[in-house]
Amino acid sequence: MQLNIKAFAIGLGILYGLGLFLVTWWVIAFEGITHDPTFIGRVFLGYQLSPLGSVLGLIWGFVVGAIAGGIFAWLYNRLAREQPAQASAAPASQEPPLAG
């Protein structure tokens, strides 16, 4: 089975981007807007716990998720292609064992 690299990359990008967007709004809803530096803000330029930061997180999340999804699908396809097909039936040249 082969994965569609483009579809997998876009799907993972959307998932990761929306996840970061929603988590940002979840934190904003319960703790309020803060401009304190976060670990994610150090990795993603411009990200912070604010409405603008959530949009930037959505964009960064999509980009990183798409790249990771594309690499994963490509690697999966490459490894799946190298696996030899396993025979489901015994070869025809073998004779059945004798009863006795």
N, C-alpha and C. Protein backbone atom coordinates (compact mmCIF):
# COMPACT_ATOMS: atom_id res chain seq x y z
N MET A 1 0.84 -1.18 0.00
CA MET A 1 0.00 0.00 0.00
C MET A 1 0.89 1.24 0.00
N GLN A 2 0.59 2.15 -0.87
CA GLN A 2 1.33 3.40 -0.98
C GLN A 2 0.50 4.55 -0.43
N LEU A 3 1.17 5.50 0.22
CA LEU A 3 0.51 6.71 0.71
C LEU A 3 0.62 7.80 -0.34
N ASN A 4 -0.43 8.60 -0.48
CA ASN A 4 -0.38 9.78 -1.34
C ASN A 4 0.37 10.86 -0.56
N ILE A 5 1.57 11.19 -1.01
CA ILE A 5 2.45 12.09 -0.26
C ILE A 5 1.83 13.47 -0.12
N LYS A 6 1.28 13.99 -1.18
CA LYS A 6 0.69 15.34 -1.15
C LYS A 6 -0.51 15.41 -0.20
N ALA A 7 -1.38 14.43 -0.28
CA ALA A 7 -2.57 14.41 0.58
C ALA A 7 -2.18 14.22 2.04
N PHE A 8 -1.22 13.35 2.30
CA PHE A 8 -0.78 13.12 3.68
C PHE A 8 -0.14 14.36 4.26
N ALA A 9 0.68 15.04 3.46
CA ALA A 9 1.35 16.26 3.91
C ALA A 9 0.33 17.36 4.22
N ILE A 10 -0.62 17.55 3.34
CA ILE A 10 -1.64 18.59 3.57
C ILE A 10 -2.50 18.24 4.78
N GLY A 11 -2.88 16.98 4.89
CA GLY A 11 -3.70 16.55 6.03
C GLY A 11 -3.00 16.75 7.36
N LEU A 12 -1.74 16.38 7.45
CA LEU A 12 -1.00 16.54 8.70
C LEU A 12 -0.74 18.02 8.97
N GLY A 13 -0.52 18.81 7.92
CA GLY A 13 -0.33 20.24 8.10
C GLY A 13 -1.57 20.91 8.66
N ILE A 14 -2.73 20.56 8.14
CA ILE A 14 -3.99 21.11 8.65
C ILE A 14 -4.22 20.68 10.09
N LEU A 15 -3.97 19.41 10.37
CA LEU A 15 -4.17 18.90 11.73
C LEU A 15 -3.26 19.60 12.73
N TYR A 16 -1.99 19.73 12.41
CA TYR A 16 -1.04 20.34 13.33
C TYR A 16 -1.32 21.84 13.47
N GLY A 17 -1.60 22.51 12.36
CA GLY A 17 -1.89 23.94 12.41
C GLY A 17 -3.14 24.26 13.22
N LEU A 18 -4.22 23.53 12.97
CA LEU A 18 -5.45 23.76 13.72
C LEU A 18 -5.28 23.38 15.19
N GLY A 19 -4.50 22.34 15.45
CA GLY A 19 -4.24 21.95 16.83
C GLY A 19 -3.54 23.04 17.61
N LEU A 20 -2.52 23.64 17.02
CA LEU A 20 -1.79 24.72 17.68
C LEU A 20 -2.68 25.95 17.84
N PHE A 21 -3.50 26.24 16.83
CA PHE A 21 -4.43 27.36 16.88
C PHE A 21 -5.43 27.19 18.03
N LEU A 22 -6.04 26.01 18.11
CA LEU A 22 -7.05 25.76 19.14
C LEU A 22 -6.45 25.70 20.55
N VAL A 23 -5.27 25.13 20.68
CA VAL A 23 -4.62 25.09 22.00
C VAL A 23 -4.29 26.51 22.45
N THR A 24 -3.85 27.36 21.53
CA THR A 24 -3.56 28.75 21.88
C THR A 24 -4.80 29.45 22.39
N TRP A 25 -5.93 29.27 21.71
CA TRP A 25 -7.17 29.91 22.16
C TRP A 25 -7.67 29.31 23.47
N TRP A 26 -7.41 28.04 23.69
CA TRP A 26 -7.79 27.40 24.95
C TRP A 26 -7.04 28.05 26.11
N VAL A 27 -5.74 28.25 25.92
CA VAL A 27 -4.93 28.90 26.97
C VAL A 27 -5.37 30.35 27.16
N ILE A 28 -5.64 31.05 26.06
CA ILE A 28 -6.11 32.44 26.15
C ILE A 28 -7.42 32.51 26.92
N ALA A 29 -8.32 31.56 26.67
CA ALA A 29 -9.63 31.58 27.33
C ALA A 29 -9.51 31.41 28.84
N PHE A 30 -8.57 30.60 29.30
CA PHE A 30 -8.46 30.33 30.72
C PHE A 30 -7.41 31.16 31.46
N GLU A 31 -6.38 31.58 30.77
CA GLU A 31 -5.32 32.33 31.44
C GLU A 31 -5.15 33.75 30.92
N GLY A 32 -5.80 34.09 29.83
CA GLY A 32 -5.71 35.43 29.26
C GLY A 32 -4.51 35.58 28.33
N ILE A 33 -4.47 36.74 27.69
CA ILE A 33 -3.39 37.03 26.75
C ILE A 33 -2.13 37.37 27.53
N THR A 34 -1.05 36.72 27.17
CA THR A 34 0.24 37.02 27.77
C THR A 34 1.26 37.17 26.65
N HIS A 35 2.21 38.00 26.87
CA HIS A 35 3.29 38.16 25.90
C HIS A 35 4.59 37.58 26.44
N ASP A 36 4.45 36.69 27.43
CA ASP A 36 5.62 36.02 27.98
C ASP A 36 6.17 35.04 26.93
N PRO A 37 7.47 34.92 26.86
CA PRO A 37 8.04 33.96 25.89
C PRO A 37 7.70 32.52 26.27
N THR A 38 7.39 31.74 25.28
CA THR A 38 7.11 30.31 25.48
C THR A 38 8.12 29.52 24.67
N PHE A 39 8.20 28.23 24.95
CA PHE A 39 9.12 27.39 24.18
C PHE A 39 8.74 27.39 22.70
N ILE A 40 7.45 27.28 22.42
CA ILE A 40 7.01 27.27 21.03
C ILE A 40 7.32 28.61 20.37
N GLY A 41 7.21 29.69 21.14
CA GLY A 41 7.55 31.01 20.62
C GLY A 41 9.02 31.15 20.27
N ARG A 42 9.87 30.40 20.91
CA ARG A 42 11.29 30.42 20.58
C ARG A 42 11.57 29.65 19.30
N VAL A 43 10.75 28.65 19.02
CA VAL A 43 10.93 27.85 17.81
C VAL A 43 10.21 28.50 16.62
N PHE A 44 8.98 28.97 16.82
CA PHE A 44 8.19 29.58 15.76
C PHE A 44 8.26 31.09 15.89
N LEU A 45 8.91 31.74 14.97
CA LEU A 45 9.10 33.18 14.99
C LEU A 45 7.76 33.92 15.03
N GLY A 46 7.56 34.77 16.02
CA GLY A 46 6.36 35.58 16.13
C GLY A 46 5.24 34.97 16.95
N TYR A 47 5.36 33.71 17.33
CA TYR A 47 4.29 33.07 18.09
C TYR A 47 4.30 33.54 19.54
N GLN A 48 3.13 33.87 20.04
CA GLN A 48 2.93 34.17 21.45
C GLN A 48 1.47 33.88 21.79
N LEU A 49 1.13 33.91 23.05
CA LEU A 49 -0.23 33.62 23.48
C LEU A 49 -1.10 34.86 23.30
N SER A 50 -1.49 35.10 22.06
CA SER A 50 -2.33 36.24 21.69
C SER A 50 -3.11 35.86 20.43
N PRO A 51 -4.13 36.65 20.08
CA PRO A 51 -4.87 36.33 18.85
C PRO A 51 -3.97 36.32 17.61
N LEU A 52 -3.08 37.30 17.48
CA LEU A 52 -2.16 37.30 16.35
C LEU A 52 -1.22 36.10 16.41
N GLY A 53 -0.77 35.78 17.62
CA GLY A 53 0.10 34.61 17.80
C GLY A 53 -0.59 33.32 17.40
N SER A 54 -1.90 33.22 17.63
CA SER A 54 -2.62 32.00 17.25
C SER A 54 -2.66 31.84 15.72
N VAL A 55 -2.80 32.96 15.01
CA VAL A 55 -2.80 32.91 13.54
C VAL A 55 -1.40 32.53 13.04
N LEU A 56 -0.38 33.13 13.63
CA LEU A 56 0.98 32.77 13.25
C LEU A 56 1.27 31.31 13.59
N GLY A 57 0.75 30.83 14.71
CA GLY A 57 0.89 29.43 15.07
C GLY A 57 0.19 28.51 14.07
N LEU A 58 -0.96 28.94 13.58
CA LEU A 58 -1.68 28.18 12.56
C LEU A 58 -0.83 28.05 11.30
N ILE A 59 -0.22 29.15 10.88
CA ILE A 59 0.61 29.13 9.67
C ILE A 59 1.86 28.28 9.89
N TRP A 60 2.58 28.54 10.99
CA TRP A 60 3.77 27.75 11.28
C TRP A 60 3.44 26.27 11.45
N GLY A 61 2.34 26.00 12.14
CA GLY A 61 1.94 24.61 12.35
C GLY A 61 1.63 23.91 11.04
N PHE A 62 0.97 24.61 10.12
CA PHE A 62 0.69 24.01 8.81
C PHE A 62 1.97 23.71 8.06
N VAL A 63 2.90 24.65 8.06
CA VAL A 63 4.16 24.45 7.34
C VAL A 63 4.95 23.28 7.91
N VAL A 64 5.13 23.28 9.23
CA VAL A 64 5.90 22.22 9.87
C VAL A 64 5.20 20.87 9.73
N GLY A 65 3.87 20.84 9.92
CA GLY A 65 3.12 19.60 9.77
C GLY A 65 3.16 19.07 8.35
N ALA A 66 3.09 19.96 7.37
CA ALA A 66 3.14 19.52 5.97
C ALA A 66 4.51 18.95 5.62
N ILE A 67 5.55 19.61 6.08
CA ILE A 67 6.90 19.09 5.82
C ILE A 67 7.09 17.73 6.49
N ALA A 68 6.70 17.63 7.75
CA ALA A 68 6.84 16.36 8.47
C ALA A 68 5.98 15.27 7.82
N GLY A 69 4.76 15.60 7.43
CA GLY A 69 3.90 14.62 6.78
C GLY A 69 4.44 14.17 5.44
N GLY A 70 4.99 15.09 4.67
CA GLY A 70 5.58 14.73 3.39
C GLY A 70 6.78 13.82 3.54
N ILE A 71 7.63 14.14 4.51
CA ILE A 71 8.81 13.29 4.76
C ILE A 71 8.39 11.91 5.24
N PHE A 72 7.41 11.87 6.16
CA PHE A 72 6.95 10.59 6.68
C PHE A 72 6.35 9.73 5.57
N ALA A 73 5.46 10.31 4.73
CA ALA A 73 4.82 9.54 3.66
C ALA A 73 5.84 9.08 2.63
N TRP A 74 6.81 9.93 2.29
CA TRP A 74 7.84 9.54 1.34
C TRP A 74 8.66 8.38 1.88
N LEU A 75 9.06 8.49 3.15
CA LEU A 75 9.85 7.44 3.78
C LEU A 75 9.06 6.13 3.88
N TYR A 76 7.79 6.24 4.24
CA TYR A 76 6.93 5.06 4.33
C TYR A 76 6.84 4.37 2.96
N ASN A 77 6.59 5.15 1.91
CA ASN A 77 6.49 4.58 0.56
C ASN A 77 7.80 3.93 0.15
N ARG A 78 8.89 4.56 0.48
CA ARG A 78 10.20 4.02 0.12
C ARG A 78 10.46 2.69 0.82
N LEU A 79 10.16 2.61 2.11
CA LEU A 79 10.38 1.38 2.86
C LEU A 79 9.39 0.29 2.47
N ALA A 80 8.15 0.67 2.18
CA ALA A 80 7.14 -0.32 1.80
C ALA A 80 7.46 -0.94 0.44
N ARG A 81 8.08 -0.17 -0.44
CA ARG A 81 8.42 -0.67 -1.77
C ARG A 81 9.56 -1.68 -1.70
N GLU A 82 10.46 -1.53 -0.73
CA GLU A 82 11.62 -2.41 -0.62
C GLU A 82 11.29 -3.75 0.02
N GLN A 83 10.15 -3.90 0.67
CA GLN A 83 9.77 -5.15 1.31
C GLN A 83 9.36 -6.16 0.24
N PRO A 84 9.92 -7.37 0.27
CA PRO A 84 9.51 -8.37 -0.73
C PRO A 84 8.10 -8.86 -0.44
N ALA A 85 7.39 -9.19 -1.51
CA ALA A 85 6.04 -9.72 -1.36
C ALA A 85 6.12 -11.12 -0.78
N GLN A 86 5.29 -11.42 0.20
CA GLN A 86 5.31 -12.74 0.82
C GLN A 86 4.32 -13.64 0.10
N ALA A 87 4.72 -14.86 -0.16
CA ALA A 87 3.85 -15.82 -0.84
C ALA A 87 2.79 -16.32 0.12
N SER A 88 1.56 -16.34 -0.35
CA SER A 88 0.47 -16.79 0.52
C SER A 88 0.21 -18.28 0.38
N ALA A 89 0.65 -18.87 -0.69
CA ALA A 89 0.43 -20.30 -0.92
C ALA A 89 1.79 -20.99 -1.09
N ALA A 90 1.82 -22.30 -0.87
CA ALA A 90 3.04 -23.07 -1.05
C ALA A 90 3.36 -23.15 -2.54
N PRO A 91 4.63 -23.18 -2.89
CA PRO A 91 5.00 -23.29 -4.31
C PRO A 91 4.45 -24.58 -4.92
N ALA A 92 4.16 -24.54 -6.20
CA ALA A 92 3.55 -25.68 -6.89
C ALA A 92 4.52 -26.84 -7.03
N SER A 93 5.84 -26.61 -6.97
CA SER A 93 6.80 -27.68 -7.18
C SER A 93 6.89 -28.63 -5.98
N GLN A 94 6.38 -28.26 -4.83
CA GLN A 94 6.46 -29.14 -3.67
C GLN A 94 5.32 -30.14 -3.70
N GLU A 95 5.67 -31.37 -3.37
CA GLU A 95 4.65 -32.40 -3.28
C GLU A 95 4.11 -32.47 -1.88
N PRO A 96 2.84 -32.80 -1.71
CA PRO A 96 2.28 -32.91 -0.36
C PRO A 96 2.95 -34.06 0.38
N PRO A 97 3.05 -34.00 1.70
CA PRO A 97 3.66 -35.09 2.47
C PRO A 97 2.82 -36.36 2.39
N LEU A 98 3.50 -37.49 2.42
CA LEU A 98 2.81 -38.78 2.34
C LEU A 98 2.24 -39.15 3.73
N ALA A 99 1.04 -39.66 3.70
CA ALA A 99 0.41 -40.09 4.95
C ALA A 99 0.90 -41.50 5.26
N GLY A 100 1.13 -41.79 6.46
CA GLY A 100 1.48 -43.15 6.72
C GLY A 100 2.22 -43.42 7.90
